[in-house]
Amino acid sequence: MEKPVRTTFSSAVAESAQDYIQRGWTVAETANGVCLVTDENIAGIEVTGDSAAFVRRYLRANDLTGPVIEIPGAERREIHLVTGLAKAARAIEALREAGVVVYSDGAGIPLPPSKLSAGAACWGVAPHEARWIPPVVAIAAGVRAAAKGARPQATRIAS
């Protein structure tokens, strides 16, 4: 059964919402802006603190970078958009055990320019700057490497 996708939004979020819809994402308007509704095709992995910086460097070093939303606040918070959750149960379990938040199964993710209590969400890597949306296992590999304290250059994935 096909999901109904809302195509009308307030003028404040209409332009960004239409851009997201054109990417095939399901979005909803909230009081603060617009959010991505996760589904079987797209989800989010939130990494915080020093691990967030490490994971970002790891992904860049391995040419795995996808869209990244930066969430304002006292501690660094990044949400990496990912695909491939259906075939990655063990990776998702490992991420959750590592204390990482996994947004899936209809959870909402604030999309820029949504306003949050500490400021506005913004793109660390915008969708048009990323060459793809990576699979969740790529982020899981970065989180695992961060937990081991490896340097991103030394953890390069073999080609």
Protein backbone atom coordinates (compact mmCIF):
# COMPACT_ATOMS: atom_id res chain seq x y z
CA MET A 1 0.00 0.00 0.00
CA GLU A 2 1.38 3.39 -0.95
CA LYS A 3 1.88 6.00 1.78
CA PRO A 4 0.13 9.30 1.26
CA VAL A 5 2.67 12.10 1.01
CA ARG A 6 1.67 15.58 2.06
CA THR A 7 2.35 18.07 -0.70
CA THR A 8 1.15 21.33 0.87
CA PHE A 9 3.09 23.13 3.58
CA SER A 10 3.10 26.56 5.16
CA SER A 11 5.08 29.17 3.26
CA ALA A 12 7.81 29.13 5.94
CA VAL A 13 8.86 25.54 5.14
CA ALA A 14 7.41 24.98 1.66
CA GLU A 15 10.64 25.37 -0.33
CA SER A 16 12.76 23.06 1.82
CA ALA A 17 9.91 20.55 2.15
CA GLN A 18 9.51 20.36 -1.64
CA ASP A 19 13.26 19.76 -2.05
CA TYR A 20 13.07 16.87 0.42
CA ILE A 21 9.96 15.42 -1.24
CA GLN A 22 11.71 15.50 -4.63
CA ARG A 23 14.40 13.31 -3.08
CA GLY A 24 11.71 10.74 -2.32
CA TRP A 25 11.66 11.43 1.41
CA THR A 26 8.48 11.45 3.47
CA VAL A 27 8.34 14.70 5.41
CA ALA A 28 5.91 16.27 7.86
CA GLU A 29 5.51 19.83 9.01
CA THR A 30 5.97 20.42 12.74
CA ALA A 31 5.57 23.50 14.91
CA ASN A 32 9.35 23.99 14.56
CA GLY A 33 9.78 23.34 10.85
CA VAL A 34 9.89 20.12 8.91
CA CYS A 35 10.93 16.60 9.86
CA LEU A 36 11.93 13.50 7.95
CA VAL A 37 9.69 10.54 8.68
CA THR A 38 11.94 7.49 8.66
CA ASP A 39 10.87 4.41 6.74
CA GLU A 40 12.32 1.29 5.13
CA ASN A 41 14.34 3.43 2.71
CA ILE A 42 15.89 6.06 4.98
CA ALA A 43 16.78 6.34 8.65
CA GLY A 44 19.09 8.32 10.90
CA ILE A 45 22.00 7.52 13.20
CA GLU A 46 22.79 10.10 15.89
CA VAL A 47 26.37 10.24 17.12
CA THR A 48 27.51 12.65 19.83
CA GLY A 49 30.63 14.20 21.33
CA ASP A 50 34.12 13.15 20.31
CA SER A 51 32.68 10.08 18.57
CA ALA A 52 30.74 12.34 16.20
CA ALA A 53 33.91 14.12 15.10
CA PHE A 54 35.76 10.82 14.71
CA VAL A 55 32.95 9.20 12.71
CA ARG A 56 32.78 12.20 10.36
CA ARG A 57 36.57 12.00 9.72
CA TYR A 58 36.37 8.21 9.29
CA LEU A 59 33.62 8.50 6.70
CA ARG A 60 35.46 11.26 4.83
CA ALA A 61 38.73 9.26 4.82
CA ASN A 62 36.91 6.27 3.35
CA ASP A 63 34.80 8.27 0.85
CA LEU A 64 31.61 7.16 2.61
CA THR A 65 30.19 10.55 3.60
CA GLY A 66 26.48 11.10 3.16
CA PRO A 67 24.07 13.77 4.39
CA VAL A 68 24.74 14.88 7.99
CA ILE A 69 22.46 17.05 10.12
CA GLU A 70 24.12 19.05 12.89
CA ILE A 71 21.97 19.52 15.99
CA PRO A 72 22.86 22.60 18.09
CA GLY A 73 23.69 22.29 21.76
CA ALA A 74 26.46 22.16 24.34
CA GLU A 75 27.67 18.78 23.03
CA ARG A 76 28.33 17.99 19.38
CA ARG A 77 25.40 16.03 17.91
CA GLU A 78 25.19 14.76 14.35
CA ILE A 79 22.54 12.70 12.62
CA HIS A 80 23.80 10.72 9.63
CA LEU A 81 21.12 9.77 7.13
CA VAL A 82 21.45 6.12 6.13
CA THR A 83 19.86 3.34 4.11
CA GLY A 84 19.95 -0.44 4.33
CA LEU A 85 18.41 -1.03 7.75
CA ALA A 86 16.44 -4.08 6.60
CA LYS A 87 19.64 -6.10 6.13
CA ALA A 88 21.64 -4.75 9.05
CA ALA A 89 20.06 -6.02 12.27
CA ARG A 90 23.44 -6.86 13.84
CA ALA A 91 24.90 -3.46 12.95
CA ILE A 92 21.86 -1.70 14.43
CA GLU A 93 22.11 -3.78 17.60
CA ALA A 94 25.82 -2.92 17.91
CA LEU A 95 25.08 0.78 17.41
CA ARG A 96 22.45 0.76 20.14
CA GLU A 97 24.80 -1.12 22.49
CA ALA A 98 27.38 1.61 21.83
CA GLY A 99 24.86 4.21 23.00
CA VAL A 100 24.06 5.56 19.57
CA VAL A 101 20.49 6.66 18.80
CA VAL A 102 18.91 4.95 15.79
CA TYR A 103 15.94 6.75 14.22
CA SER A 104 13.82 4.26 12.26
CA ASP A 105 10.31 2.87 11.82
CA GLY A 106 8.49 6.18 11.48
CA ALA A 107 10.59 8.22 13.92
CA GLY A 108 10.93 11.88 13.03
CA ILE A 109 14.24 13.64 12.40
CA PRO A 110 14.33 17.46 12.37
CA LEU A 111 15.47 18.66 8.97
CA PRO A 112 17.09 22.03 8.37
CA PRO A 113 15.95 24.75 8.86
CA SER A 114 13.92 23.40 11.81
CA LYS A 115 14.18 25.43 15.00
CA LEU A 116 15.18 23.56 18.15
CA SER A 117 15.56 24.62 21.77
CA ALA A 118 19.27 25.44 21.36
CA GLY A 119 19.07 26.89 17.84
CA ALA A 120 18.36 25.64 14.32
CA ALA A 121 19.29 22.31 12.80
CA CYS A 122 21.68 22.76 9.88
CA TRP A 123 23.38 20.62 7.29
CA GLY A 124 26.95 19.58 8.10
CA VAL A 125 26.90 17.85 4.73
CA ALA A 126 23.87 18.78 2.62
CA PRO A 127 22.17 16.13 0.48
CA HIS A 128 23.27 17.88 -2.73
CA GLU A 129 26.90 17.83 -1.47
CA ALA A 130 26.87 14.10 -0.74
CA ARG A 131 27.34 11.58 -3.51
CA TRP A 132 24.95 9.12 -1.85
CA ILE A 133 23.15 8.09 1.29
CA PRO A 134 25.43 5.45 2.83
CA PRO A 135 24.29 2.14 4.29
CA VAL A 136 23.97 1.92 8.07
CA VAL A 137 26.91 -0.51 8.18
CA ALA A 138 29.25 2.30 7.05
CA ILE A 139 28.28 4.42 10.07
CA ALA A 140 28.49 1.34 12.30
CA ALA A 141 32.06 0.77 11.11
CA GLY A 142 32.94 4.36 11.99
CA VAL A 143 31.38 4.04 15.45
CA ARG A 144 33.23 0.75 16.03
CA ALA A 145 36.54 2.36 14.96
CA ALA A 146 35.87 5.34 17.25
CA ALA A 147 35.25 3.00 20.19
CA LYS A 148 38.61 1.32 19.51
CA GLY A 149 40.36 4.69 19.34
CA ALA A 150 41.78 4.00 15.88
CA ARG A 151 42.91 6.86 13.66
CA PRO A 152 40.64 7.38 10.59
CA GLN A 153 43.57 7.08 8.15
CA ALA A 154 44.61 3.76 9.69
CA THR A 155 41.11 2.30 9.55
CA ARG A 156 40.63 2.71 5.82
CA ILE A 157 38.33 0.06 4.39
CA ALA A 158 40.11 -2.21 1.93
CA SER A 159 39.06 -1.63 -1.68
